[in-house]
Amino acid sequence: MLTVEQLNKIAFDRGYQAIADTYTEDEEVWRELVPASKIIAPSVETLTDYPYGDRKVMPIGLGDLHEIEEGQRVPEDIIGEGPVRQCKLRTLATALTVTEDMLMLRDAETRLVRDVIDWGRRVALAASRFRNDFVAGMFQKGTLAAGSTKYFNNAYRGTPDAYPGFIYDGKPWFAAAGNEHPTQGFTGSTGSFGANLIVSGTLNSTNVQAAYTQMSVTNAYDERYQPITVRPAVLLAGASMRQSVAAITESDLLPGGTNNDANAFRGLLRPVIWDRLTDDSDAWWMLADDPGLTVYDSGIPEIRTRVNEATRTVTFEGFIRFGAVVTDWRGAVAANKAAS
């Protein structure tokens, strides 16, 4: 009969090895979109409320520099406090339970090694699948005017979310005209600023130019409505849009043009196809090098053991910690995607 100590050794030696051998991040397309500096390993140093979540005030920033003459006092400015953004750190887990009867089998070790290896492989694949699907869900449900609490409710223990279903400013990640993102430190007229959802806009060169302008010109202002630089870098779409994306990003001549015009977007926008984007088969997104997402990811799954003397069982739990939050909506535009 196997002992609990022997079983633990099997789980940690063979289970961890199976996880390590199977674990891959290659299929997680979101890693192609989020800068490495914005993917954070959760810890007491990186999260304000570890292991539950992270909550930070987003400073509005300083105003303009002022020209001064010799001896003139420098006008003072104050860093204003902006909106609060918070992220729930989710714990995702699955378990394998071994009963006392299983330990008494004649070939218990052979069977349990096989089961633990199979379980470890499944844990590794499930971790990658969850992360990929969650961030894809943010892109797809971030257009809903009514919000999405599945992806944008970041309440955690003792800390409610001020805008459950929405991002830090109380708007959906992708806000349509008439429901624009507000500025936090400016009350004057901002024109067409604040909209980053083009509800009706099939993927063609005209609409790509419109999205490019919306991101790099119209929305390129900070919370004080001071101009900033936002450079579109990625054209993102689902698998059914592969040919259309290639035409925009790789053709020498402007797709659909009649005057033999050069295609200015060739080499300017990096094509990314994500098969998890399935809500609207003809939707597409334009992203900056930093799309405004911060991701908290513990990486390869961990294993912990629980022994239940009452039921005489041993349970192995494989788990990860993961969270994702929008920290700046300016880095992304969605198009041809419904707001409801």
C-alpha atoms as a PDB file:
ATOM      1  CA  MET A   1       0.000   0.000   0.000  1.00  0.00           C
ATOM      2  CA  LEU A   2       1.277   3.441  -0.929  1.00  0.00           C
ATOM      3  CA  THR A   3       1.708   5.922   1.907  1.00  0.00           C
ATOM      4  CA  VAL A   4       0.623   9.570   1.807  1.00  0.00           C
ATOM      5  CA  GLU A   5       4.290  10.551   1.718  1.00  0.00           C
ATOM      6  CA  GLN A   6       4.910   8.371  -1.332  1.00  0.00           C
ATOM      7  CA  LEU A   7       1.809   9.778  -2.987  1.00  0.00           C
ATOM      8  CA  ASN A   8       2.974  13.326  -2.341  1.00  0.00           C
ATOM      9  CA  LYS A   9       6.307  12.514  -3.940  1.00  0.00           C
ATOM     10  CA  ILE A  10       4.567  11.119  -7.026  1.00  0.00           C
ATOM     11  CA  ALA A  11       2.366  14.188  -7.298  1.00  0.00           C
ATOM     12  CA  PHE A  12       5.136  16.723  -6.929  1.00  0.00           C
ATOM     13  CA  ASP A  13       7.779  14.849  -8.929  1.00  0.00           C
ATOM     14  CA  ARG A  14       5.656  13.493 -11.756  1.00  0.00           C
ATOM     15  CA  GLY A  15       2.810  16.007 -11.630  1.00  0.00           C
ATOM     16  CA  TYR A  16       5.070  19.046 -11.781  1.00  0.00           C
ATOM     17  CA  GLN A  17       7.144  17.410 -14.502  1.00  0.00           C
ATOM     18  CA  ALA A  18       4.020  16.768 -16.585  1.00  0.00           C
ATOM     19  CA  ILE A  19       2.929  20.372 -16.121  1.00  0.00           C
ATOM     20  CA  ALA A  20       6.382  21.672 -17.043  1.00  0.00           C
ATOM     21  CA  ASP A  21       6.615  19.408 -20.124  1.00  0.00           C
ATOM     22  CA  THR A  22       3.163  20.392 -21.397  1.00  0.00           C
ATOM     23  CA  TYR A  23       3.030  24.033 -20.330  1.00  0.00           C
ATOM     24  CA  THR A  24       3.242  26.494 -23.185  1.00  0.00           C
ATOM     25  CA  GLU A  25       2.266  30.097 -23.748  1.00  0.00           C
ATOM     26  CA  ASP A  26       2.632  29.890 -27.537  1.00  0.00           C
ATOM     27  CA  GLU A  27      -1.132  29.773 -28.167  1.00  0.00           C
ATOM     28  CA  GLU A  28      -1.866  32.782 -25.947  1.00  0.00           C
ATOM     29  CA  VAL A  29      -2.265  35.476 -28.599  1.00  0.00           C
ATOM     30  CA  TRP A  30      -2.746  38.233 -26.029  1.00  0.00           C
ATOM     31  CA  ARG A  31       0.976  37.979 -25.266  1.00  0.00           C
ATOM     32  CA  GLU A  32       1.620  39.328 -28.777  1.00  0.00           C
ATOM     33  CA  LEU A  33      -0.418  42.423 -27.907  1.00  0.00           C
ATOM     34  CA  VAL A  34       0.552  43.328 -24.337  1.00  0.00           C
ATOM     35  CA  PRO A  35       4.101  44.636 -23.701  1.00  0.00           C
ATOM     36  CA  ALA A  36       6.219  42.442 -21.432  1.00  0.00           C
ATOM     37  CA  SER A  37       6.504  45.353 -18.985  1.00  0.00           C
ATOM     38  CA  LYS A  38       2.713  45.221 -18.507  1.00  0.00           C
ATOM     39  CA  ILE A  39       2.644  41.498 -17.630  1.00  0.00           C
ATOM     40  CA  ILE A  40       3.234  41.381 -13.889  1.00  0.00           C
ATOM     41  CA  ALA A  41       3.938  38.415 -11.624  1.00  0.00           C
ATOM     42  CA  PRO A  42       1.570  38.742  -8.630  1.00  0.00           C
ATOM     43  CA  SER A  43       3.268  39.217  -5.265  1.00  0.00           C
ATOM     44  CA  VAL A  44       3.110  41.349  -2.147  1.00  0.00           C
ATOM     45  CA  GLU A  45       5.518  43.736  -3.864  1.00  0.00           C
ATOM     46  CA  THR A  46       3.489  44.187  -7.052  1.00  0.00           C
ATOM     47  CA  LEU A  47      -0.094  44.228  -5.725  1.00  0.00           C
ATOM     48  CA  THR A  48      -1.502  46.537  -3.091  1.00  0.00           C
ATOM     49  CA  ASP A  49      -3.860  43.876  -1.727  1.00  0.00           C
ATOM     50  CA  TYR A  50      -2.187  40.569  -2.558  1.00  0.00           C
ATOM     51  CA  PRO A  51      -3.519  37.907  -2.983  1.00  0.00           C
ATOM     52  CA  TYR A  52      -6.907  39.494  -3.658  1.00  0.00           C
ATOM     53  CA  GLY A  53      -6.210  42.322  -6.073  1.00  0.00           C
ATOM     54  CA  ASP A  54      -4.521  45.586  -6.911  1.00  0.00           C
ATOM     55  CA  ARG A  55      -5.839  49.128  -6.544  1.00  0.00           C
ATOM     56  CA  LYS A  56      -4.077  52.282  -7.664  1.00  0.00           C
ATOM     57  CA  VAL A  57      -4.925  55.937  -8.203  1.00  0.00           C
ATOM     58  CA  MET A  58      -4.067  57.054 -11.735  1.00  0.00           C
ATOM     59  CA  PRO A  59      -2.481  60.526 -11.578  1.00  0.00           C
ATOM     60  CA  ILE A  60      -3.724  63.036 -14.107  1.00  0.00           C
ATOM     61  CA  GLY A  61      -0.262  64.543 -14.559  1.00  0.00           C
ATOM     62  CA  LEU A  62       1.230  67.990 -15.003  1.00  0.00           C
ATOM     63  CA  GLY A  63       0.209  70.741 -17.366  1.00  0.00           C
ATOM     64  CA  ASP A  64       2.333  72.606 -19.924  1.00  0.00           C
ATOM     65  CA  LEU A  65       5.775  74.067 -19.407  1.00  0.00           C
ATOM     66  CA  HIS A  66       5.864  77.852 -19.133  1.00  0.00           C
ATOM     67  CA  GLU A  67       8.329  80.285 -20.636  1.00  0.00           C
ATOM     68  CA  ILE A  68       9.821  82.509 -17.945  1.00  0.00           C
ATOM     69  CA  GLU A  69      12.151  85.498 -17.921  1.00  0.00           C
ATOM     70  CA  GLU A  70      15.167  85.837 -15.643  1.00  0.00           C
ATOM     71  CA  GLY A  71      14.078  86.295 -12.052  1.00  0.00           C
ATOM     72  CA  GLN A  72      10.467  85.428 -12.826  1.00  0.00           C
ATOM     73  CA  ARG A  73       8.738  82.981 -10.497  1.00  0.00           C
ATOM     74  CA  VAL A  74       7.998  79.610 -12.068  1.00  0.00           C
ATOM     75  CA  PRO A  75       4.233  78.960 -12.182  1.00  0.00           C
ATOM     76  CA  GLU A  76       3.330  76.028  -9.943  1.00  0.00           C
ATOM     77  CA  ASP A  77       1.443  72.959 -11.001  1.00  0.00           C
ATOM     78  CA  ILE A  78       0.003  70.114  -8.980  1.00  0.00           C
ATOM     79  CA  ILE A  79      -0.220  66.457  -9.932  1.00  0.00           C
ATOM     80  CA  GLY A  80      -3.945  65.853  -9.755  1.00  0.00           C
ATOM     81  CA  GLU A  81      -5.440  62.598  -8.603  1.00  0.00           C
ATOM     82  CA  GLY A  82      -7.286  60.838 -11.360  1.00  0.00           C
ATOM     83  CA  PRO A  83      -9.602  57.835 -11.461  1.00  0.00           C
ATOM     84  CA  VAL A  84      -8.993  54.677  -9.479  1.00  0.00           C
ATOM     85  CA  ARG A  85      -8.354  51.516 -11.403  1.00  0.00           C
ATOM     86  CA  GLN A  86      -8.418  48.175  -9.670  1.00  0.00           C
ATOM     87  CA  CYS A  87      -7.915  44.597 -10.729  1.00  0.00           C
ATOM     88  CA  LYS A  88      -9.234  41.449  -9.129  1.00  0.00           C
ATOM     89  CA  LEU A  89      -6.638  38.703  -8.889  1.00  0.00           C
ATOM     90  CA  ARG A  90      -8.560  35.558  -9.740  1.00  0.00           C
ATOM     91  CA  THR A  91      -7.562  32.145  -8.440  1.00  0.00           C
ATOM     92  CA  LEU A  92      -8.315  29.370 -10.935  1.00  0.00           C
ATOM     93  CA  ALA A  93      -7.973  25.787  -9.747  1.00  0.00           C
ATOM     94  CA  THR A  94      -8.754  22.153 -10.444  1.00  0.00           C
ATOM     95  CA  ALA A  95      -8.229  19.087  -8.249  1.00  0.00           C
ATOM     96  CA  LEU A  96      -7.427  15.384  -8.300  1.00  0.00           C
ATOM     97  CA  THR A  97      -8.602  13.345  -5.300  1.00  0.00           C
ATOM     98  CA  VAL A  98      -7.111   9.996  -4.311  1.00  0.00           C
ATOM     99  CA  THR A  99      -9.010   7.735  -1.910  1.00  0.00           C
ATOM    100  CA  GLU A 100      -7.576   5.259   0.602  1.00  0.00           C
ATOM    101  CA  ASP A 101      -8.945   2.373  -1.455  1.00  0.00           C
ATOM    102  CA  MET A 102      -6.969   3.540  -4.474  1.00  0.00           C
ATOM    103  CA  LEU A 103      -3.776   3.458  -2.421  1.00  0.00           C
ATOM    104  CA  MET A 104      -4.435  -0.199  -1.541  1.00  0.00           C
ATOM    105  CA  LEU A 105      -4.576  -1.454  -5.121  1.00  0.00           C
ATOM    106  CA  ARG A 106      -1.902  -3.955  -6.073  1.00  0.00           C
ATOM    107  CA  ASP A 107      -0.649  -1.753  -8.918  1.00  0.00           C
ATOM    108  CA  ALA A 108      -1.473   1.528  -7.133  1.00  0.00           C
ATOM    109  CA  GLU A 109       1.811   3.228  -7.950  1.00  0.00           C
ATOM    110  CA  THR A 110       1.593   2.477 -11.680  1.00  0.00           C
ATOM    111  CA  ARG A 111      -1.999   3.670 -11.896  1.00  0.00           C
ATOM    112  CA  LEU A 112      -1.463   6.799  -9.841  1.00  0.00           C
ATOM    113  CA  VAL A 113       1.658   7.814 -11.758  1.00  0.00           C
ATOM    114  CA  ARG A 114      -0.363   7.524 -14.971  1.00  0.00           C
ATOM    115  CA  ASP A 115      -3.287   9.501 -13.529  1.00  0.00           C
ATOM    116  CA  VAL A 116      -1.085  12.208 -12.045  1.00  0.00           C
ATOM    117  CA  ILE A 117       0.787  12.703 -15.318  1.00  0.00           C
ATOM    118  CA  ASP A 118      -2.486  12.955 -17.249  1.00  0.00           C
ATOM    119  CA  TRP A 119      -3.890  15.394 -14.685  1.00  0.00           C
ATOM    120  CA  GLY A 120      -0.763  17.558 -14.788  1.00  0.00           C
ATOM    121  CA  ARG A 121      -0.981  17.833 -18.558  1.00  0.00           C
ATOM    122  CA  ARG A 122      -4.615  18.861 -18.360  1.00  0.00           C
ATOM    123  CA  VAL A 123      -3.851  21.507 -15.732  1.00  0.00           C
ATOM    124  CA  ALA A 124      -1.158  23.055 -17.923  1.00  0.00           C
ATOM    125  CA  LEU A 125      -3.426  23.213 -20.977  1.00  0.00           C
ATOM    126  CA  ALA A 126      -6.378  24.539 -18.964  1.00  0.00           C
ATOM    127  CA  ALA A 127      -4.282  27.404 -17.559  1.00  0.00           C
ATOM    128  CA  SER A 128      -3.249  28.580 -21.009  1.00  0.00           C
ATOM    129  CA  ARG A 129      -6.776  28.209 -22.359  1.00  0.00           C
ATOM    130  CA  PHE A 130      -8.343  30.223 -19.540  1.00  0.00           C
ATOM    131  CA  ARG A 131      -5.960  33.170 -19.905  1.00  0.00           C
ATOM    132  CA  ASN A 132      -6.333  33.280 -23.673  1.00  0.00           C
ATOM    133  CA  ASP A 133     -10.124  33.103 -23.543  1.00  0.00           C
ATOM    134  CA  PHE A 134     -10.406  35.667 -20.761  1.00  0.00           C
ATOM    135  CA  VAL A 135      -8.464  38.397 -22.550  1.00  0.00           C
ATOM    136  CA  ALA A 136     -10.247  37.599 -25.820  1.00  0.00           C
ATOM    137  CA  GLY A 137     -13.510  38.018 -23.923  1.00  0.00           C
ATOM    138  CA  MET A 138     -12.420  41.470 -22.792  1.00  0.00           C
ATOM    139  CA  PHE A 139     -11.934  42.539 -26.407  1.00  0.00           C
ATOM    140  CA  GLN A 140     -15.293  41.118 -27.461  1.00  0.00           C
ATOM    141  CA  LYS A 141     -17.492  42.165 -24.528  1.00  0.00           C
ATOM    142  CA  GLY A 142     -15.686  45.467 -24.010  1.00  0.00           C
ATOM    143  CA  THR A 143     -17.916  47.004 -26.667  1.00  0.00           C
ATOM    144  CA  LEU A 144     -21.172  46.477 -24.764  1.00  0.00           C
ATOM    145  CA  ALA A 145     -22.801  49.741 -23.711  1.00  0.00           C
ATOM    146  CA  ALA A 146     -24.480  47.870 -20.852  1.00  0.00           C
ATOM    147  CA  GLY A 147     -21.108  46.575 -19.664  1.00  0.00           C
ATOM    148  CA  SER A 148     -19.919  43.049 -18.881  1.00  0.00           C
ATOM    149  CA  THR A 149     -19.505  41.970 -15.278  1.00  0.00           C
ATOM    150  CA  LYS A 150     -17.894  38.695 -16.357  1.00  0.00           C
ATOM    151  CA  TYR A 151     -14.803  40.490 -17.612  1.00  0.00           C
ATOM    152  CA  PHE A 152     -14.973  43.960 -16.075  1.00  0.00           C
ATOM    153  CA  ASN A 153     -16.142  43.462 -12.496  1.00  0.00           C
ATOM    154  CA  ASN A 154     -12.965  43.836 -10.449  1.00  0.00           C
ATOM    155  CA  ALA A 155     -14.474  43.828  -6.965  1.00  0.00           C
ATOM    156  CA  TYR A 156     -12.529  41.748  -4.500  1.00  0.00           C
ATOM    157  CA  ARG A 157     -12.487  41.081  -0.758  1.00  0.00           C
ATOM    158  CA  GLY A 158     -13.343  44.296   1.081  1.00  0.00           C
ATOM    159  CA  THR A 159     -13.004  46.409  -2.066  1.00  0.00           C
ATOM    160  CA  PRO A 160     -16.089  46.982  -4.244  1.00  0.00           C
ATOM    161  CA  ASP A 161     -15.736  48.019  -7.851  1.00  0.00           C
ATOM    162  CA  ALA A 162     -17.042  51.567  -8.369  1.00  0.00           C
ATOM    163  CA  TYR A 163     -18.081  50.701 -11.941  1.00  0.00           C
ATOM    164  CA  PRO A 164     -18.838  46.962 -12.146  1.00  0.00           C
ATOM    165  CA  GLY A 165     -19.009  45.938 -15.791  1.00  0.00           C
ATOM    166  CA  PHE A 166     -17.004  48.922 -17.016  1.00  0.00           C
ATOM    167  CA  ILE A 167     -13.470  50.304 -16.929  1.00  0.00           C
ATOM    168  CA  TYR A 168     -12.079  52.917 -14.552  1.00  0.00           C
ATOM    169  CA  ASP A 169     -14.045  55.867 -15.998  1.00  0.00           C
ATOM    170  CA  GLY A 170     -17.467  54.200 -15.865  1.00  0.00           C
ATOM    171  CA  LYS A 171     -17.577  53.523 -19.609  1.00  0.00           C
ATOM    172  CA  PRO A 172     -17.185  50.332 -21.632  1.00  0.00           C
ATOM    173  CA  TRP A 173     -13.632  49.752 -22.835  1.00  0.00           C
ATOM    174  CA  PHE A 174     -14.787  50.592 -26.349  1.00  0.00           C
ATOM    175  CA  ALA A 175     -17.174  53.538 -26.192  1.00  0.00           C
ATOM    176  CA  ALA A 176     -19.297  54.592 -29.149  1.00  0.00           C
ATOM    177  CA  ALA A 177     -20.159  58.152 -30.169  1.00  0.00           C
ATOM    178  CA  GLY A 178     -22.694  59.557 -27.720  1.00  0.00           C
ATOM    179  CA  ASN A 179     -21.204  57.545 -24.860  1.00  0.00           C
ATOM    180  CA  GLU A 180     -17.627  58.824 -25.073  1.00  0.00           C
ATOM    181  CA  HIS A 181     -14.890  58.459 -22.489  1.00  0.00           C
ATOM    182  CA  PRO A 182     -14.632  61.671 -20.438  1.00  0.00           C
ATOM    183  CA  THR A 183     -11.515  63.617 -19.566  1.00  0.00           C
ATOM    184  CA  GLN A 184     -10.724  63.623 -15.849  1.00  0.00           C
ATOM    185  CA  GLY A 185      -8.980  66.989 -15.572  1.00  0.00           C
ATOM    186  CA  PHE A 186     -10.579  69.145 -18.282  1.00  0.00           C
ATOM    187  CA  THR A 187     -14.107  70.484 -18.546  1.00  0.00           C
ATOM    188  CA  GLY A 188     -14.043  72.343 -21.849  1.00  0.00           C
ATOM    189  CA  SER A 189     -15.151  71.189 -25.291  1.00  0.00           C
ATOM    190  CA  THR A 190     -13.287  68.153 -26.626  1.00  0.00           C
ATOM    191  CA  GLY A 191     -15.024  67.704 -29.980  1.00  0.00           C
ATOM    192  CA  SER A 192     -15.083  64.083 -31.125  1.00  0.00           C
ATOM    193  CA  PHE A 193     -12.598  62.981 -28.460  1.00  0.00           C
ATOM    194  CA  GLY A 194     -13.444  59.906 -26.400  1.00  0.00           C
ATOM    195  CA  ALA A 195     -15.066  57.515 -28.867  1.00  0.00           C
ATOM    196  CA  ASN A 196     -13.091  54.356 -29.673  1.00  0.00           C
ATOM    197  CA  LEU A 197     -15.837  52.124 -31.068  1.00  0.00           C
ATOM    198  CA  ILE A 198     -16.852  52.373 -34.721  1.00  0.00           C
ATOM    199  CA  VAL A 199     -20.083  50.387 -34.667  1.00  0.00           C
ATOM    200  CA  SER A 200     -20.462  50.096 -38.445  1.00  0.00           C
ATOM    201  CA  GLY A 201     -17.186  49.957 -40.334  1.00  0.00           C
ATOM    202  CA  THR A 202     -16.243  46.989 -42.464  1.00  0.00           C
ATOM    203  CA  LEU A 203     -12.545  46.271 -42.853  1.00  0.00           C
ATOM    204  CA  ASN A 204     -11.439  48.347 -45.818  1.00  0.00           C
ATOM    205  CA  SER A 205      -8.768  50.974 -46.412  1.00  0.00           C
ATOM    206  CA  THR A 206     -11.174  53.876 -45.863  1.00  0.00           C
ATOM    207  CA  ASN A 207     -12.306  52.635 -42.458  1.00  0.00           C
ATOM    208  CA  VAL A 208      -8.787  51.659 -41.433  1.00  0.00           C
ATOM    209  CA  GLN A 209      -7.720  55.237 -42.163  1.00  0.00           C
ATOM    210  CA  ALA A 210     -10.653  56.518 -40.097  1.00  0.00           C
ATOM    211  CA  ALA A 211      -9.675  54.300 -37.140  1.00  0.00           C
ATOM    212  CA  TYR A 212      -6.032  55.323 -37.506  1.00  0.00           C
ATOM    213  CA  THR A 213      -6.992  58.993 -37.370  1.00  0.00           C
ATOM    214  CA  GLN A 214      -9.357  58.470 -34.457  1.00  0.00           C
ATOM    215  CA  MET A 215      -6.605  56.865 -32.396  1.00  0.00           C
ATOM    216  CA  SER A 216      -3.567  58.915 -33.404  1.00  0.00           C
ATOM    217  CA  VAL A 217      -5.196  62.352 -33.757  1.00  0.00           C
ATOM    218  CA  THR A 218      -8.709  62.675 -32.308  1.00  0.00           C
ATOM    219  CA  ASN A 219      -8.097  60.634 -29.128  1.00  0.00           C
ATOM    220  CA  ALA A 220      -4.431  61.557 -28.677  1.00  0.00           C
ATOM    221  CA  TYR A 221      -4.984  63.748 -25.623  1.00  0.00           C
ATOM    222  CA  ASP A 222      -4.344  63.056 -21.951  1.00  0.00           C
ATOM    223  CA  GLU A 223      -6.729  63.600 -19.039  1.00  0.00           C
ATOM    224  CA  ARG A 224      -6.001  67.341 -19.076  1.00  0.00           C
ATOM    225  CA  TYR A 225      -6.678  67.408 -22.822  1.00  0.00           C
ATOM    226  CA  GLN A 226      -3.019  67.999 -23.574  1.00  0.00           C
ATOM    227  CA  PRO A 227      -1.766  66.377 -26.804  1.00  0.00           C
ATOM    228  CA  ILE A 228       0.100  63.084 -26.509  1.00  0.00           C
ATOM    229  CA  THR A 229       1.488  60.549 -28.977  1.00  0.00           C
ATOM    230  CA  VAL A 230      -0.498  57.382 -29.684  1.00  0.00           C
ATOM    231  CA  ARG A 231       0.886  55.264 -32.531  1.00  0.00           C
ATOM    232  CA  PRO A 232      -1.332  52.518 -34.014  1.00  0.00           C
ATOM    233  CA  ALA A 233       0.730  49.375 -34.553  1.00  0.00           C
ATOM    234  CA  VAL A 234      -1.527  46.297 -34.807  1.00  0.00           C
ATOM    235  CA  LEU A 235      -4.497  45.257 -36.935  1.00  0.00           C
ATOM    236  CA  LEU A 236      -6.326  42.495 -35.052  1.00  0.00           C
ATOM    237  CA  ALA A 237      -9.182  40.267 -36.215  1.00  0.00           C
ATOM    238  CA  GLY A 238     -10.633  36.774 -36.000  1.00  0.00           C
ATOM    239  CA  ALA A 239      -9.703  33.813 -38.173  1.00  0.00           C
ATOM    240  CA  SER A 240     -12.372  34.468 -40.813  1.00  0.00           C
ATOM    241  CA  MET A 241     -10.809  37.871 -41.534  1.00  0.00           C
ATOM    242  CA  ARG A 242      -7.332  36.552 -42.335  1.00  0.00           C
ATOM    243  CA  GLN A 243      -7.450  37.406 -46.044  1.00  0.00           C
ATOM    244  CA  SER A 244      -8.916  40.861 -45.471  1.00  0.00           C
ATOM    245  CA  VAL A 245      -6.276  41.679 -42.858  1.00  0.00           C
ATOM    246  CA  ALA A 246      -3.503  40.479 -45.175  1.00  0.00           C
ATOM    247  CA  ALA A 247      -4.821  42.681 -47.977  1.00  0.00           C
ATOM    248  CA  ILE A 248      -4.653  45.774 -45.770  1.00  0.00           C
ATOM    249  CA  THR A 249      -1.276  45.070 -44.173  1.00  0.00           C
ATOM    250  CA  GLU A 250       0.667  43.353 -46.965  1.00  0.00           C
ATOM    251  CA  SER A 251      -0.568  44.613 -50.362  1.00  0.00           C
ATOM    252  CA  ASP A 252       1.711  46.988 -52.260  1.00  0.00           C
ATOM    253  CA  LEU A 253      -1.251  48.858 -53.721  1.00  0.00           C
ATOM    254  CA  LEU A 254      -4.199  50.285 -51.807  1.00  0.00           C
ATOM    255  CA  PRO A 255      -6.899  47.564 -51.607  1.00  0.00           C
ATOM    256  CA  GLY A 256      -9.987  48.673 -53.516  1.00  0.00           C
ATOM    257  CA  GLY A 257      -8.238  51.700 -54.992  1.00  0.00           C
ATOM    258  CA  THR A 258      -8.689  52.691 -58.623  1.00  0.00           C
ATOM    259  CA  ASN A 259      -5.791  55.110 -59.052  1.00  0.00           C
ATOM    260  CA  ASN A 260      -2.876  52.737 -58.508  1.00  0.00           C
ATOM    261  CA  ASP A 261      -2.269  54.351 -55.110  1.00  0.00           C
ATOM    262  CA  ALA A 262       0.426  52.950 -52.847  1.00  0.00           C
ATOM    263  CA  ASN A 263      -0.826  51.182 -49.718  1.00  0.00           C
ATOM    264  CA  ALA A 264       0.399  53.346 -46.827  1.00  0.00           C
ATOM    265  CA  PHE A 265      -0.561  50.678 -44.286  1.00  0.00           C
ATOM    266  CA  ARG A 266       1.805  48.058 -45.695  1.00  0.00           C
ATOM    267  CA  GLY A 267       4.410  47.506 -43.005  1.00  0.00           C
ATOM    268  CA  LEU A 268       2.818  50.147 -40.785  1.00  0.00           C
ATOM    269  CA  LEU A 269       0.319  47.847 -39.075  1.00  0.00           C
ATOM    270  CA  ARG A 270       1.312  44.387 -37.835  1.00  0.00           C
ATOM    271  CA  PRO A 271      -1.358  41.756 -38.620  1.00  0.00           C
ATOM    272  CA  VAL A 272      -2.515  39.544 -35.742  1.00  0.00           C
ATOM    273  CA  ILE A 273      -5.148  36.834 -36.198  1.00  0.00           C
ATOM    274  CA  TRP A 274      -6.840  35.468 -33.074  1.00  0.00           C
ATOM    275  CA  ASP A 275      -9.152  32.505 -33.507  1.00  0.00           C
ATOM    276  CA  ARG A 276     -10.818  33.182 -30.145  1.00  0.00           C
ATOM    277  CA  LEU A 277     -12.444  36.354 -31.527  1.00  0.00           C
ATOM    278  CA  THR A 278     -15.701  34.733 -32.624  1.00  0.00           C
ATOM    279  CA  ASP A 279     -18.539  36.964 -31.369  1.00  0.00           C
ATOM    280  CA  ASP A 280     -18.740  38.920 -34.631  1.00  0.00           C
ATOM    281  CA  SER A 281     -16.911  37.247 -37.488  1.00  0.00           C
ATOM    282  CA  ASP A 282     -16.275  40.531 -39.327  1.00  0.00           C
ATOM    283  CA  ALA A 283     -15.230  42.681 -36.348  1.00  0.00           C
ATOM    284  CA  TRP A 284     -11.690  44.080 -36.156  1.00  0.00           C
ATOM    285  CA  TRP A 285      -9.506  46.088 -33.801  1.00  0.00           C
ATOM    286  CA  MET A 286      -6.654  48.569 -34.153  1.00  0.00           C
ATOM    287  CA  LEU A 287      -4.159  48.663 -31.293  1.00  0.00           C
ATOM    288  CA  ALA A 288      -1.170  50.707 -30.263  1.00  0.00           C
ATOM    289  CA  ASP A 289       2.092  49.049 -29.207  1.00  0.00           C
ATOM    290  CA  ASP A 290       0.631  49.368 -25.707  1.00  0.00           C
ATOM    291  CA  PRO A 291      -3.126  48.728 -25.990  1.00  0.00           C
ATOM    292  CA  GLY A 292      -3.708  49.920 -22.415  1.00  0.00           C
ATOM    293  CA  LEU A 293      -3.931  46.542 -20.682  1.00  0.00           C
ATOM    294  CA  THR A 294      -2.133  45.404 -17.546  1.00  0.00           C
ATOM    295  CA  VAL A 295      -2.099  41.660 -16.874  1.00  0.00           C
ATOM    296  CA  TYR A 296      -1.238  39.888 -13.625  1.00  0.00           C
ATOM    297  CA  ASP A 297      -0.116  36.340 -14.367  1.00  0.00           C
ATOM    298  CA  SER A 298       1.441  33.762 -12.040  1.00  0.00           C
ATOM    299  CA  GLY A 299       2.589  31.684 -15.006  1.00  0.00           C
ATOM    300  CA  ILE A 300       3.055  27.927 -14.755  1.00  0.00           C
ATOM    301  CA  PRO A 301       0.463  26.275 -12.472  1.00  0.00           C
ATOM    302  CA  GLU A 302       1.401  25.388  -8.901  1.00  0.00           C
ATOM    303  CA  ILE A 303       0.423  22.285  -6.926  1.00  0.00           C
ATOM    304  CA  ARG A 304      -0.675  22.084  -3.312  1.00  0.00           C
ATOM    305  CA  THR A 305      -1.830  19.101  -1.238  1.00  0.00           C
ATOM    306  CA  ARG A 306      -4.764  18.736   1.145  1.00  0.00           C
ATOM    307  CA  VAL A 307      -5.205  15.668   3.384  1.00  0.00           C
ATOM    308  CA  ASN A 308      -8.672  14.961   4.763  1.00  0.00           C
ATOM    309  CA  GLU A 309      -8.444  12.566   7.700  1.00  0.00           C
ATOM    310  CA  ALA A 310     -12.226  12.364   8.059  1.00  0.00           C
ATOM    311  CA  THR A 311     -12.798  11.078   4.520  1.00  0.00           C
ATOM    312  CA  ARG A 312      -9.346   9.475   4.294  1.00  0.00           C
ATOM    313  CA  THR A 313      -8.580  11.178   0.991  1.00  0.00           C
ATOM    314  CA  VAL A 314      -5.710  13.168  -0.432  1.00  0.00           C
ATOM    315  CA  THR A 315      -6.475  15.986  -2.838  1.00  0.00           C
ATOM    316  CA  PHE A 316      -3.997  17.623  -5.179  1.00  0.00           C
ATOM    317  CA  GLU A 317      -4.906  21.116  -6.382  1.00  0.00           C
ATOM    318  CA  GLY A 318      -3.405  22.758  -9.417  1.00  0.00           C
ATOM    319  CA  PHE A 319      -3.920  26.508  -9.541  1.00  0.00           C
ATOM    320  CA  ILE A 320      -2.918  29.806 -11.105  1.00  0.00           C
ATOM    321  CA  ARG A 321      -3.581  33.437 -10.240  1.00  0.00           C
ATOM    322  CA  PHE A 322      -4.609  35.762 -13.023  1.00  0.00           C
ATOM    323  CA  GLY A 323      -6.130  39.185 -13.560  1.00  0.00           C
ATOM    324  CA  ALA A 324      -6.406  41.702 -16.379  1.00  0.00           C
ATOM    325  CA  VAL A 325      -7.480  45.350 -16.311  1.00  0.00           C
ATOM    326  CA  VAL A 326      -7.733  48.264 -18.730  1.00  0.00           C
ATOM    327  CA  THR A 327      -5.472  51.109 -17.623  1.00  0.00           C
ATOM    328  CA  ASP A 328      -5.840  53.405 -20.658  1.00  0.00           C
ATOM    329  CA  TRP A 329      -8.536  53.139 -23.307  1.00  0.00           C
ATOM    330  CA  ARG A 330      -6.646  55.315 -25.835  1.00  0.00           C
ATOM    331  CA  GLY A 331      -4.529  52.425 -27.076  1.00  0.00           C
ATOM    332  CA  ALA A 332      -7.359  50.519 -28.753  1.00  0.00           C
ATOM    333  CA  VAL A 333     -10.170  51.048 -31.265  1.00  0.00           C
ATOM    334  CA  ALA A 334     -12.818  48.437 -32.107  1.00  0.00           C
ATOM    335  CA  ALA A 335     -14.733  48.459 -35.373  1.00  0.00           C
ATOM    336  CA  ASN A 336     -17.711  46.739 -36.957  1.00  0.00           C
ATOM    337  CA  LYS A 337     -18.771  45.539 -33.512  1.00  0.00           C
ATOM    338  CA  ALA A 338     -22.172  46.058 -31.949  1.00  0.00           C
ATOM    339  CA  ALA A 339     -22.611  48.022 -28.722  1.00  0.00           C
ATOM    340  CA  SER A 340     -25.429  45.728 -27.564  1.00  0.00           C
END
